[in-house]
């Protein structure tokens, strides 16, 4: 059982290396096809292209520092439901805004708990 797991991780490693090599060749082909004709720029070798990709990774997304952005991102912190503002408080504000137009309905196996009654 553990041998299969080892082969699986080795396969993912080989697949990852192959993906990086393939992506580098695609970028090199696109660069060498477009940039010399359009901008009179240089033709890049494989290692120059790989260096350019690593440099752009460092400049545009940083050096890393952990697995994924998760809770560190500003967007996740902004939209996270904090303890001091629970959903029931939001529901009270919603019901007050609707001026009693929201009435509870008996659930008949559906996930809908409320219906907005037209005037």
PDB file of N, CA and C in Angstrom:
ATOM      1  N   UNK A   1       0.820  -1.192   0.000  1.00  0.00           N
ATOM      2  CA  UNK A   1       0.000   0.000   0.000  1.00  0.00           C
ATOM      3  C   UNK A   1       0.866   1.258   0.000  1.00  0.00           C
ATOM      4  N   UNK A   2       1.932   1.263   0.800  1.00  0.00           N
ATOM      5  CA  UNK A   2       2.795   2.447   0.854  1.00  0.00           C
ATOM      6  C   UNK A   2       3.601   2.601  -0.429  1.00  0.00           C
ATOM      7  N   UNK A   3       3.886   1.490  -1.100  1.00  0.00           N
ATOM      8  CA  UNK A   3       4.617   1.576  -2.359  1.00  0.00           C
ATOM      9  C   UNK A   3       3.779   2.298  -3.411  1.00  0.00           C
ATOM     10  N   UNK A   4       2.462   2.045  -3.413  1.00  0.00           N
ATOM     11  CA  UNK A   4       1.599   2.729  -4.366  1.00  0.00           C
ATOM     12  C   UNK A   4       1.560   4.225  -4.094  1.00  0.00           C
ATOM     13  N   UNK A   5       1.555   4.604  -2.817  1.00  0.00           N
ATOM     14  CA  UNK A   5       1.553   6.017  -2.453  1.00  0.00           C
ATOM     15  C   UNK A   5       2.840   6.689  -2.909  1.00  0.00           C
ATOM     16  N   UNK A   6       3.959   6.001  -2.741  1.00  0.00           N
ATOM     17  CA  UNK A   6       5.245   6.541  -3.182  1.00  0.00           C
ATOM     18  C   UNK A   6       5.283   6.741  -4.684  1.00  0.00           C
ATOM     19  N   UNK A   7       4.746   5.760  -5.422  1.00  0.00           N
ATOM     20  CA  UNK A   7       4.694   5.897  -6.875  1.00  0.00           C
ATOM     21  C   UNK A   7       3.772   7.036  -7.286  1.00  0.00           C
ATOM     22  N   UNK A   8       2.695   7.228  -6.534  1.00  0.00           N
ATOM     23  CA  UNK A   8       1.763   8.300  -6.848  1.00  0.00           C
ATOM     24  C   UNK A   8       2.447   9.661  -6.679  1.00  0.00           C
ATOM     25  N   UNK A   9       3.181   9.843  -5.572  1.00  0.00           N
ATOM     26  CA  UNK A   9       3.891  11.107  -5.353  1.00  0.00           C
ATOM     27  C   UNK A   9       4.992  11.307  -6.378  1.00  0.00           C
ATOM     28  N   UNK A  10       5.687  10.241  -6.736  1.00  0.00           N
ATOM     29  CA  UNK A  10       6.727  10.346  -7.753  1.00  0.00           C
ATOM     30  C   UNK A  10       6.110  10.710  -9.097  1.00  0.00           C
ATOM     31  N   UNK A  11       4.948  10.132  -9.397  1.00  0.00           N
ATOM     32  CA  UNK A  11       4.262  10.462 -10.647  1.00  0.00           C
ATOM     33  C   UNK A  11       3.849  11.918 -10.706  1.00  0.00           C
ATOM     34  N   UNK A  12       3.336  12.444  -9.568  1.00  0.00           N
ATOM     35  CA  UNK A  12       2.979  13.862  -9.524  1.00  0.00           C
ATOM     36  C   UNK A  12       4.219  14.742  -9.675  1.00  0.00           C
ATOM     37  N   UNK A  13       5.339  14.312  -9.096  1.00  0.00           N
ATOM     38  CA  UNK A  13       6.579  15.076  -9.237  1.00  0.00           C
ATOM     39  C   UNK A  13       7.050  15.120 -10.679  1.00  0.00           C
ATOM     40  N   UNK A  14       7.012  13.977 -11.333  1.00  0.00           N
ATOM     41  CA  UNK A  14       7.422  13.905 -12.743  1.00  0.00           C
ATOM     42  C   UNK A  14       6.465  14.728 -13.599  1.00  0.00           C
ATOM     43  N   UNK A  15       5.173  14.639 -13.314  1.00  0.00           N
ATOM     44  CA  UNK A  15       4.187  15.418 -14.054  1.00  0.00           C
ATOM     45  C   UNK A  15       4.402  16.917 -13.849  1.00  0.00           C
ATOM     46  N   UNK A  16       4.730  17.330 -12.629  1.00  0.00           N
ATOM     47  CA  UNK A  16       4.996  18.742 -12.354  1.00  0.00           C
ATOM     48  C   UNK A  16       6.221  19.256 -13.098  1.00  0.00           C
ATOM     49  N   UNK A  17       7.295  18.465 -13.088  1.00  0.00           N
ATOM     50  CA  UNK A  17       8.514  18.860 -13.806  1.00  0.00           C
ATOM     51  C   UNK A  17       8.243  18.933 -15.304  1.00  0.00           C
ATOM     52  N   UNK A  18       7.489  17.964 -15.814  1.00  0.00           N
ATOM     53  CA  UNK A  18       7.154  17.973 -17.246  1.00  0.00           C
ATOM     54  C   UNK A  18       6.297  19.189 -17.589  1.00  0.00           C
ATOM     55  N   UNK A  19       5.394  19.575 -16.697  1.00  0.00           N
ATOM     56  CA  UNK A  19       4.556  20.745 -16.942  1.00  0.00           C
ATOM     57  C   UNK A  19       5.395  22.019 -16.980  1.00  0.00           C
ATOM     58  N   UNK A  20       6.353  22.144 -16.080  1.00  0.00           N
ATOM     59  CA  UNK A  20       7.227  23.326 -16.076  1.00  0.00           C
ATOM     60  C   UNK A  20       8.060  23.379 -17.345  1.00  0.00           C
ATOM     61  N   UNK A  21       8.607  22.245 -17.749  1.00  0.00           N
ATOM     62  CA  UNK A  21       9.410  22.206 -18.982  1.00  0.00           C
ATOM     63  C   UNK A  21       8.543  22.555 -20.188  1.00  0.00           C
ATOM     64  N   UNK A  22       7.346  21.976 -20.252  1.00  0.00           N
ATOM     65  CA  UNK A  22       6.453  22.255 -21.372  1.00  0.00           C
ATOM     66  C   UNK A  22       6.014  23.707 -21.410  1.00  0.00           C
ATOM     67  N   UNK A  23       5.679  24.277 -20.245  1.00  0.00           N
ATOM     68  CA  UNK A  23       5.261  25.674 -20.189  1.00  0.00           C
ATOM     69  C   UNK A  23       6.404  26.591 -20.607  1.00  0.00           C
ATOM     70  N   UNK A  24       7.619  26.251 -20.204  1.00  0.00           N
ATOM     71  CA  UNK A  24       8.785  27.061 -20.580  1.00  0.00           C
ATOM     72  C   UNK A  24       8.988  27.032 -22.090  1.00  0.00           C
ATOM     73  N   UNK A  25       8.826  25.852 -22.696  1.00  0.00           N
ATOM     74  CA  UNK A  25       8.971  25.773 -24.153  1.00  0.00           C
ATOM     75  C   UNK A  25       7.881  26.554 -24.884  1.00  0.00           C
ATOM     76  N   UNK A  26       6.657  26.529 -24.358  1.00  0.00           N
ATOM     77  CA  UNK A  26       5.568  27.284 -24.990  1.00  0.00           C
ATOM     78  C   UNK A  26       5.854  28.785 -24.910  1.00  0.00           C
ATOM     79  N   UNK A  27       6.298  29.259 -23.741  1.00  0.00           N
ATOM     80  CA  UNK A  27       6.618  30.685 -23.595  1.00  0.00           C
ATOM     81  C   UNK A  27       7.789  31.062 -24.499  1.00  0.00           C
ATOM     82  N   UNK A  28       8.809  30.194 -24.585  1.00  0.00           N
ATOM     83  CA  UNK A  28       9.960  30.468 -25.446  1.00  0.00           C
ATOM     84  C   UNK A  28       9.520  30.537 -26.912  1.00  0.00           C
ATOM     85  N   UNK A  29       8.656  29.621 -27.333  1.00  0.00           N
ATOM     86  CA  UNK A  29       8.187  29.618 -28.711  1.00  0.00           C
ATOM     87  C   UNK A  29       7.389  30.888 -29.013  1.00  0.00           C
ATOM     88  N   UNK A  30       6.491  31.272 -28.097  1.00  0.00           N
ATOM     89  CA  UNK A  30       5.714  32.493 -28.311  1.00  0.00           C
ATOM     90  C   UNK A  30       6.604  33.735 -28.336  1.00  0.00           C
ATOM     91  N   UNK A  31       7.562  33.796 -27.417  1.00  0.00           N
ATOM     92  CA  UNK A  31       8.472  34.941 -27.368  1.00  0.00           C
ATOM     93  C   UNK A  31       9.261  35.042 -28.670  1.00  0.00           C
ATOM     94  N   UNK A  32       9.865  33.934 -29.073  1.00  0.00           N
ATOM     95  CA  UNK A  32      10.719  33.947 -30.259  1.00  0.00           C
ATOM     96  C   UNK A  32       9.908  34.141 -31.542  1.00  0.00           C
ATOM     97  N   UNK A  33       8.620  33.885 -31.503  1.00  0.00           N
ATOM     98  CA  UNK A  33       7.776  34.092 -32.661  1.00  0.00           C
ATOM     99  C   UNK A  33       7.306  35.545 -32.758  1.00  0.00           C
ATOM    100  N   UNK A  34       6.982  36.167 -31.612  1.00  0.00           N
ATOM    101  CA  UNK A  34       6.375  37.498 -31.635  1.00  0.00           C
ATOM    102  C   UNK A  34       7.348  38.646 -31.388  1.00  0.00           C
ATOM    103  N   UNK A  35       8.145  38.546 -30.344  1.00  0.00           N
ATOM    104  CA  UNK A  35       8.945  39.698 -29.905  1.00  0.00           C
ATOM    105  C   UNK A  35       9.975  40.141 -30.942  1.00  0.00           C
ATOM    106  N   UNK A  36      10.745  39.249 -31.582  1.00  0.00           N
ATOM    107  CA  UNK A  36      11.708  39.752 -32.585  1.00  0.00           C
ATOM    108  C   UNK A  36      11.052  40.471 -33.757  1.00  0.00           C
ATOM    109  N   UNK A  37       9.876  40.011 -34.184  1.00  0.00           N
ATOM    110  CA  UNK A  37       9.212  40.650 -35.323  1.00  0.00           C
ATOM    111  C   UNK A  37       8.518  41.950 -34.939  1.00  0.00           C
ATOM    112  N   UNK A  38       7.844  41.948 -33.784  1.00  0.00           N
ATOM    113  CA  UNK A  38       7.034  43.098 -33.404  1.00  0.00           C
ATOM    114  C   UNK A  38       7.886  44.215 -32.803  1.00  0.00           C
ATOM    115  N   UNK A  39       8.800  43.866 -31.896  1.00  0.00           N
ATOM    116  CA  UNK A  39       9.564  44.879 -31.153  1.00  0.00           C
ATOM    117  C   UNK A  39      11.047  44.899 -31.489  1.00  0.00           C
ATOM    118  N   UNK A  40      11.493  44.105 -32.438  1.00  0.00           N
ATOM    119  CA  UNK A  40      12.921  43.941 -32.742  1.00  0.00           C
ATOM    120  C   UNK A  40      13.708  43.541 -31.499  1.00  0.00           C
ATOM    121  N   UNK A  41      13.112  42.664 -30.682  1.00  0.00           N
ATOM    122  CA  UNK A  41      13.742  42.207 -29.449  1.00  0.00           C
ATOM    123  C   UNK A  41      14.615  40.990 -29.676  1.00  0.00           C
ATOM    124  N   UNK A  42      15.257  40.523 -28.615  1.00  0.00           N
ATOM    125  CA  UNK A  42      16.179  39.396 -28.744  1.00  0.00           C
ATOM    126  C   UNK A  42      15.439  38.056 -28.827  1.00  0.00           C
ATOM    127  N   UNK A  43      16.136  37.062 -29.316  1.00  0.00           N
ATOM    128  CA  UNK A  43      15.648  35.687 -29.306  1.00  0.00           C
ATOM    129  C   UNK A  43      16.175  35.042 -28.033  1.00  0.00           C
ATOM    130  N   UNK A  44      15.301  34.333 -27.296  1.00  0.00           N
ATOM    131  CA  UNK A  44      15.676  33.757 -26.009  1.00  0.00           C
ATOM    132  C   UNK A  44      15.964  32.271 -26.133  1.00  0.00           C
ATOM    133  N   UNK A  45      16.933  31.817 -25.341  1.00  0.00           N
ATOM    134  CA  UNK A  45      17.186  30.383 -25.231  1.00  0.00           C
ATOM    135  C   UNK A  45      16.270  29.807 -24.153  1.00  0.00           C
ATOM    136  N   UNK A  46      16.325  28.479 -23.972  1.00  0.00           N
ATOM    137  CA  UNK A  46      15.475  27.831 -22.973  1.00  0.00           C
ATOM    138  C   UNK A  46      15.764  28.370 -21.573  1.00  0.00           C
ATOM    139  N   UNK A  47      17.042  28.471 -21.205  1.00  0.00           N
ATOM    140  CA  UNK A  47      17.415  28.891 -19.847  1.00  0.00           C
ATOM    141  C   UNK A  47      17.085  30.362 -19.603  1.00  0.00           C
ATOM    142  N   UNK A  48      17.197  31.194 -20.628  1.00  0.00           N
ATOM    143  CA  UNK A  48      16.791  32.586 -20.484  1.00  0.00           C
ATOM    144  C   UNK A  48      15.281  32.693 -20.274  1.00  0.00           C
ATOM    145  N   UNK A  49      14.525  31.854 -20.972  1.00  0.00           N
ATOM    146  CA  UNK A  49      13.078  31.857 -20.807  1.00  0.00           C
ATOM    147  C   UNK A  49      12.695  31.385 -19.417  1.00  0.00           C
ATOM    148  N   UNK A  50      13.350  30.337 -18.942  1.00  0.00           N
ATOM    149  CA  UNK A  50      13.067  29.842 -17.589  1.00  0.00           C
ATOM    150  C   UNK A  50      13.413  30.901 -16.550  1.00  0.00           C
ATOM    151  N   UNK A  51      14.533  31.598 -16.734  1.00  0.00           N
ATOM    152  CA  UNK A  51      14.902  32.678 -15.823  1.00  0.00           C
ATOM    153  C   UNK A  51      13.901  33.820 -15.859  1.00  0.00           C
ATOM    154  N   UNK A  52      13.397  34.132 -17.051  1.00  0.00           N
ATOM    155  CA  UNK A  52      12.387  35.179 -17.178  1.00  0.00           C
ATOM    156  C   UNK A  52      11.097  34.784 -16.460  1.00  0.00           C
ATOM    157  N   UNK A  53      10.699  33.518 -16.551  1.00  0.00           N
ATOM    158  CA  UNK A  53       9.499  33.040 -15.857  1.00  0.00           C
ATOM    159  C   UNK A  53       9.669  33.099 -14.346  1.00  0.00           C
ATOM    160  N   UNK A  54      10.852  32.691 -13.856  1.00  0.00           N
ATOM    161  CA  UNK A  54      11.110  32.741 -12.408  1.00  0.00           C
ATOM    162  C   UNK A  54      11.119  34.184 -11.928  1.00  0.00           C
ATOM    163  N   UNK A  55      11.756  35.072 -12.682  1.00  0.00           N
ATOM    164  CA  UNK A  55      11.791  36.482 -12.312  1.00  0.00           C
ATOM    165  C   UNK A  55      10.383  37.090 -12.288  1.00  0.00           C
ATOM    166  N   UNK A  56       9.559  36.757 -13.278  1.00  0.00           N
ATOM    167  CA  UNK A  56       8.197  37.298 -13.289  1.00  0.00           C
ATOM    168  C   UNK A  56       7.371  36.722 -12.150  1.00  0.00           C
ATOM    169  N   UNK A  57       7.615  35.470 -11.771  1.00  0.00           N
ATOM    170  CA  UNK A  57       6.924  34.876 -10.617  1.00  0.00           C
ATOM    171  C   UNK A  57       7.295  35.623  -9.339  1.00  0.00           C
ATOM    172  N   UNK A  58       8.558  35.920  -9.166  1.00  0.00           N
ATOM    173  CA  UNK A  58       9.005  36.636  -7.967  1.00  0.00           C
ATOM    174  C   UNK A  58       8.442  38.057  -7.945  1.00  0.00           C
ATOM    175  N   UNK A  59       8.481  38.743  -9.068  1.00  0.00           N
ATOM    176  CA  UNK A  59       8.032  40.135  -9.115  1.00  0.00           C
ATOM    177  C   UNK A  59       6.526  40.279  -8.962  1.00  0.00           C
ATOM    178  N   UNK A  60       5.762  39.389  -9.585  1.00  0.00           N
ATOM    179  CA  UNK A  60       4.315  39.571  -9.614  1.00  0.00           C
ATOM    180  C   UNK A  60       3.570  38.856  -8.495  1.00  0.00           C
ATOM    181  N   UNK A  61       4.130  37.797  -7.920  1.00  0.00           N
ATOM    182  CA  UNK A  61       3.391  37.103  -6.861  1.00  0.00           C
ATOM    183  C   UNK A  61       4.214  36.871  -5.609  1.00  0.00           C
ATOM    184  N   UNK A  62       5.390  37.360  -5.529  1.00  0.00           N
ATOM    185  CA  UNK A  62       6.182  37.232  -4.317  1.00  0.00           C
ATOM    186  C   UNK A  62       6.920  35.909  -4.241  1.00  0.00           C
ATOM    187  N   UNK A  63       7.621  35.737  -3.124  1.00  0.00           N
ATOM    188  CA  UNK A  63       8.441  34.545  -2.931  1.00  0.00           C
ATOM    189  C   UNK A  63       7.657  33.379  -2.348  1.00  0.00           C
ATOM    190  N   UNK A  64       6.403  33.581  -1.986  1.00  0.00           N
ATOM    191  CA  UNK A  64       5.626  32.494  -1.393  1.00  0.00           C
ATOM    192  C   UNK A  64       5.439  32.764   0.080  1.00  0.00           C
ATOM    193  N   UNK A  65       5.830  31.840   0.907  1.00  0.00           N
ATOM    194  CA  UNK A  65       5.701  32.012   2.339  1.00  0.00           C
ATOM    195  C   UNK A  65       4.554  31.221   2.916  1.00  0.00           C
ATOM    196  N   UNK A  66       4.138  30.184   2.243  1.00  0.00           N
ATOM    197  CA  UNK A  66       3.069  29.358   2.773  1.00  0.00           C
ATOM    198  C   UNK A  66       2.221  28.792   1.664  1.00  0.00           C
ATOM    199  N   UNK A  67       1.394  27.866   2.040  1.00  0.00           N
ATOM    200  CA  UNK A  67       0.536  27.226   1.068  1.00  0.00           C
ATOM    201  C   UNK A  67      -0.717  28.027   0.812  1.00  0.00           C
ATOM    202  N   UNK A  68      -0.792  28.707  -0.270  1.00  0.00           N
ATOM    203  CA  UNK A  68      -1.986  29.451  -0.646  1.00  0.00           C
ATOM    204  C   UNK A  68      -2.177  30.706   0.172  1.00  0.00           C
ATOM    205  N   UNK A  69      -3.141  31.491  -0.228  1.00  0.00           N
ATOM    206  CA  UNK A  69      -3.376  32.736   0.484  1.00  0.00           C
ATOM    207  C   UNK A  69      -4.259  32.520   1.693  1.00  0.00           C
ATOM    208  N   UNK A  70      -5.279  31.697   1.566  1.00  0.00           N
ATOM    209  CA  UNK A  70      -6.134  31.359   2.701  1.00  0.00           C
ATOM    210  C   UNK A  70      -6.656  32.569   3.440  1.00  0.00           C
ATOM    211  N   UNK A  71      -6.466  32.598   4.729  1.00  0.00           N
ATOM    212  CA  UNK A  71      -6.970  33.682   5.577  1.00  0.00           C
ATOM    213  C   UNK A  71      -6.100  34.930   5.527  1.00  0.00           C
ATOM    214  N   UNK A  72      -4.924  34.847   4.896  1.00  0.00           N
ATOM    215  CA  UNK A  72      -4.045  36.005   4.862  1.00  0.00           C
ATOM    216  C   UNK A  72      -4.506  37.072   3.881  1.00  0.00           C
ATOM    217  N   UNK A  73      -5.326  36.679   2.909  1.00  0.00           N
ATOM    218  CA  UNK A  73      -5.704  37.646   1.889  1.00  0.00           C
ATOM    219  C   UNK A  73      -6.659  38.690   2.450  1.00  0.00           C
ATOM    220  N   UNK A  74      -6.586  39.864   1.903  1.00  0.00           N
ATOM    221  CA  UNK A  74      -7.426  40.977   2.349  1.00  0.00           C
ATOM    222  C   UNK A  74      -8.889  40.685   2.072  1.00  0.00           C
ATOM    223  N   UNK A  75      -9.153  40.062   0.950  1.00  0.00           N
ATOM    224  CA  UNK A  75     -10.526  39.746   0.579  1.00  0.00           C
ATOM    225  C   UNK A  75     -11.152  38.772   1.579  1.00  0.00           C
ATOM    226  N   UNK A  76     -10.402  37.761   2.002  1.00  0.00           N
ATOM    227  CA  UNK A  76     -10.938  36.787   2.955  1.00  0.00           C
ATOM    228  C   UNK A  76     -11.191  37.440   4.304  1.00  0.00           C
ATOM    229  N   UNK A  77     -10.313  38.335   4.736  1.00  0.00           N
ATOM    230  CA  UNK A  77     -10.514  39.014   6.023  1.00  0.00           C
ATOM    231  C   UNK A  77     -11.720  39.947   5.958  1.00  0.00           C
ATOM    232  N   UNK A  78     -11.906  40.612   4.826  1.00  0.00           N
ATOM    233  CA  UNK A  78     -12.980  41.581   4.709  1.00  0.00           C
ATOM    234  C   UNK A  78     -14.350  40.910   4.725  1.00  0.00           C
ATOM    235  N   UNK A  79     -14.473  39.751   4.094  1.00  0.00           N
ATOM    236  CA  UNK A  79     -15.773  39.123   3.938  1.00  0.00           C
ATOM    237  C   UNK A  79     -16.012  37.981   4.922  1.00  0.00           C
ATOM    238  N   UNK A  80     -15.123  37.788   5.845  1.00  0.00           N
ATOM    239  CA  UNK A  80     -15.309  36.741   6.842  1.00  0.00           C
ATOM    240  C   UNK A  80     -16.366  37.193   7.843  1.00  0.00           C
ATOM    241  N   UNK A  81     -17.241  36.298   8.222  1.00  0.00           N
ATOM    242  CA  UNK A  81     -18.285  36.617   9.201  1.00  0.00           C
ATOM    243  C   UNK A  81     -17.656  36.579  10.586  1.00  0.00           C
ATOM    244  N   UNK A  82     -17.521  37.728  11.217  1.00  0.00           N
ATOM    245  CA  UNK A  82     -16.870  37.791  12.516  1.00  0.00           C
ATOM    246  C   UNK A  82     -17.861  37.479  13.629  1.00  0.00           C
ATOM    247  N   UNK A  83     -17.338  37.218  14.798  1.00  0.00           N
ATOM    248  CA  UNK A  83     -18.165  36.830  15.937  1.00  0.00           C
ATOM    249  C   UNK A  83     -19.047  37.977  16.433  1.00  0.00           C
ATOM    250  N   UNK A  84     -18.594  39.203  16.287  1.00  0.00           N
ATOM    251  CA  UNK A  84     -19.374  40.323  16.811  1.00  0.00           C
ATOM    252  C   UNK A  84     -20.490  40.757  15.854  1.00  0.00           C
ATOM    253  N   UNK A  85     -20.630  40.128  14.720  1.00  0.00           N
ATOM    254  CA  UNK A  85     -21.687  40.477  13.775  1.00  0.00           C
ATOM    255  C   UNK A  85     -22.285  39.193  13.207  1.00  0.00           C
ATOM    256  N   UNK A  86     -23.045  38.460  14.000  1.00  0.00           N
ATOM    257  CA  UNK A  86     -23.578  37.183  13.531  1.00  0.00           C
ATOM    258  C   UNK A  86     -24.677  37.366  12.487  1.00  0.00           C
ATOM    259  N   UNK A  87     -25.027  36.274  11.847  1.00  0.00           N
ATOM    260  CA  UNK A  87     -26.008  36.339  10.780  1.00  0.00           C
ATOM    261  C   UNK A  87     -27.392  36.704  11.308  1.00  0.00           C
ATOM    262  N   UNK A  88     -27.720  36.376  12.544  1.00  0.00           N
ATOM    263  CA  UNK A  88     -29.038  36.709  13.072  1.00  0.00           C
ATOM    264  C   UNK A  88     -29.217  38.227  13.152  1.00  0.00           C
ATOM    265  N   UNK A  89     -28.147  38.943  13.402  1.00  0.00           N
ATOM    266  CA  UNK A  89     -28.218  40.397  13.441  1.00  0.00           C
ATOM    267  C   UNK A  89     -28.517  40.945  12.041  1.00  0.00           C
ATOM    268  N   UNK A  90     -27.903  40.339  11.036  1.00  0.00           N
ATOM    269  CA  UNK A  90     -28.184  40.732   9.666  1.00  0.00           C
ATOM    270  C   UNK A  90     -29.639  40.456   9.335  1.00  0.00           C
ATOM    271  N   UNK A  91     -30.156  39.319   9.766  1.00  0.00           N
ATOM    272  CA  UNK A  91     -31.548  38.966   9.483  1.00  0.00           C
ATOM    273  C   UNK A  91     -32.517  39.960  10.123  1.00  0.00           C
ATOM    274  N   UNK A  92     -32.217  40.414  11.337  1.00  0.00           N
ATOM    275  CA  UNK A  92     -33.078  41.399  11.998  1.00  0.00           C
ATOM    276  C   UNK A  92     -33.093  42.710  11.202  1.00  0.00           C
ATOM    277  N   UNK A  93     -31.935  43.131  10.718  1.00  0.00           N
ATOM    278  CA  UNK A  93     -31.884  44.355   9.922  1.00  0.00           C
ATOM    279  C   UNK A  93     -32.660  44.179   8.612  1.00  0.00           C
ATOM    280  N   UNK A  94     -32.588  43.002   8.017  1.00  0.00           N
ATOM    281  CA  UNK A  94     -33.296  42.720   6.778  1.00  0.00           C
ATOM    282  C   UNK A  94     -34.805  42.751   7.004  1.00  0.00           C
ATOM    283  N   UNK A  95     -35.252  42.116   8.070  1.00  0.00           N
ATOM    284  CA  UNK A  95     -36.687  42.100   8.352  1.00  0.00           C
ATOM    285  C   UNK A  95     -37.210  43.498   8.674  1.00  0.00           C
ATOM    286  N   UNK A  96     -36.420  44.294   9.385  1.00  0.00           N
ATOM    287  CA  UNK A  96     -36.836  45.661   9.678  1.00  0.00           C
ATOM    288  C   UNK A  96     -36.928  46.486   8.396  1.00  0.00           C
ATOM    289  N   UNK A  97     -36.019  46.252   7.479  1.00  0.00           N
ATOM    290  CA  UNK A  97     -36.024  46.983   6.222  1.00  0.00           C
ATOM    291  C   UNK A  97     -37.224  46.590   5.363  1.00  0.00           C
ATOM    292  N   UNK A  98     -37.622  45.340   5.424  1.00  0.00           N
ATOM    293  CA  UNK A  98     -38.741  44.859   4.619  1.00  0.00           C
ATOM    294  C   UNK A  98     -40.092  45.217   5.243  1.00  0.00           C
ATOM    295  N   UNK A  99     -40.109  45.774   6.451  1.00  0.00           N
ATOM    296  CA  UNK A  99     -41.341  46.217   7.120  1.00  0.00           C
ATOM    297  C   UNK A  99     -42.389  45.117   7.238  1.00  0.00           C
ATOM    298  N   UNK A 100     -41.962  43.943   7.643  1.00  0.00           N
ATOM    299  CA  UNK A 100     -42.893  42.854   7.876  1.00  0.00           C
ATOM    300  C   UNK A 100     -43.382  42.176   6.617  1.00  0.00           C
ATOM    301  N   UNK A 101     -42.748  42.349   5.502  1.00  0.00           N
ATOM    302  CA  UNK A 101     -43.167  41.708   4.263  1.00  0.00           C
ATOM    303  C   UNK A 101     -42.612  40.287   4.143  1.00  0.00           C
ATOM    304  N   UNK A 102     -41.840  39.858   5.119  1.00  0.00           N
ATOM    305  CA  UNK A 102     -41.261  38.526   5.116  1.00  0.00           C
ATOM    306  C   UNK A 102     -42.041  37.689   6.111  1.00  0.00           C
ATOM    307  N   UNK A 103     -42.585  36.579   5.648  1.00  0.00           N
ATOM    308  CA  UNK A 103     -43.303  35.704   6.565  1.00  0.00           C
ATOM    309  C   UNK A 103     -42.716  34.300   6.463  1.00  0.00           C
ATOM    310  N   UNK A 104     -42.715  33.608   7.579  1.00  0.00           N
ATOM    311  CA  UNK A 104     -42.181  32.256   7.612  1.00  0.00           C
ATOM    312  C   UNK A 104     -43.168  31.305   6.953  1.00  0.00           C
ATOM    313  N   UNK A 105     -42.678  30.273   6.318  1.00  0.00           N
ATOM    314  CA  UNK A 105     -43.519  29.294   5.675  1.00  0.00           C
ATOM    315  C   UNK A 105     -43.097  27.920   6.144  1.00  0.00           C
ATOM    316  N   UNK A 106     -44.030  27.018   6.255  1.00  0.00           N
ATOM    317  CA  UNK A 106     -43.706  25.671   6.684  1.00  0.00           C
ATOM    318  C   UNK A 106     -42.918  24.995   5.577  1.00  0.00           C
ATOM    319  N   UNK A 107     -41.805  24.379   5.973  1.00  0.00           N
ATOM    320  CA  UNK A 107     -40.953  23.750   4.967  1.00  0.00           C
ATOM    321  C   UNK A 107     -41.569  22.424   4.542  1.00  0.00           C
ATOM    322  N   UNK A 108     -41.639  22.208   3.253  1.00  0.00           N
ATOM    323  CA  UNK A 108     -42.194  20.981   2.687  1.00  0.00           C
ATOM    324  C   UNK A 108     -41.083  20.206   2.008  1.00  0.00           C
ATOM    325  N   UNK A 109     -39.990  20.014   2.734  1.00  0.00           N
ATOM    326  CA  UNK A 109     -38.863  19.309   2.165  1.00  0.00           C
ATOM    327  C   UNK A 109     -37.967  20.196   1.330  1.00  0.00           C
ATOM    328  N   UNK A 110     -38.230  21.483   1.322  1.00  0.00           N
ATOM    329  CA  UNK A 110     -37.418  22.418   0.546  1.00  0.00           C
ATOM    330  C   UNK A 110     -36.507  23.178   1.482  1.00  0.00           C
ATOM    331  N   UNK A 111     -35.469  23.751   0.917  1.00  0.00           N
ATOM    332  CA  UNK A 111     -34.515  24.523   1.713  1.00  0.00           C
ATOM    333  C   UNK A 111     -34.983  25.957   1.923  1.00  0.00           C
ATOM    334  N   UNK A 112     -36.015  26.388   1.234  1.00  0.00           N
ATOM    335  CA  UNK A 112     -36.477  27.761   1.355  1.00  0.00           C
ATOM    336  C   UNK A 112     -37.252  27.918   2.654  1.00  0.00           C
ATOM    337  N   UNK A 113     -36.871  28.882   3.477  1.00  0.00           N
ATOM    338  CA  UNK A 113     -37.513  29.103   4.768  1.00  0.00           C
ATOM    339  C   UNK A 113     -38.406  30.329   4.780  1.00  0.00           C
ATOM    340  N   UNK A 114     -38.347  31.171   3.770  1.00  0.00           N
ATOM    341  CA  UNK A 114     -39.112  32.393   3.801  1.00  0.00           C
ATOM    342  C   UNK A 114     -39.611  32.746   2.416  1.00  0.00           C
ATOM    343  N   UNK A 115     -40.692  33.493   2.396  1.00  0.00           N
ATOM    344  CA  UNK A 115     -41.282  33.929   1.150  1.00  0.00           C
ATOM    345  C   UNK A 115     -41.530  35.418   1.258  1.00  0.00           C
ATOM    346  N   UNK A 116     -41.243  36.165   0.212  1.00  0.00           N
ATOM    347  CA  UNK A 116     -41.534  37.583   0.201  1.00  0.00           C
ATOM    348  C   UNK A 116     -42.929  37.758  -0.385  1.00  0.00           C
ATOM    349  N   UNK A 117     -43.811  38.339   0.406  1.00  0.00           N
ATOM    350  CA  UNK A 117     -45.202  38.505   0.018  1.00  0.00           C
ATOM    351  C   UNK A 117     -45.345  39.806  -0.754  1.00  0.00           C
ATOM    352  N   UNK A 118     -45.924  39.760  -1.958  1.00  0.00           N
ATOM    353  CA  UNK A 118     -46.118  41.006  -2.702  1.00  0.00           C
ATOM    354  C   UNK A 118     -47.233  41.843  -2.100  1.00  0.00           C
ATOM    355  N   UNK A 119     -47.200  43.122  -2.328  1.00  0.00           N
ATOM    356  CA  UNK A 119     -48.216  44.027  -1.768  1.00  0.00           C
ATOM    357  C   UNK A 119     -49.473  44.021  -2.585  1.00  0.00           C
TER     358      UNK A 119
END
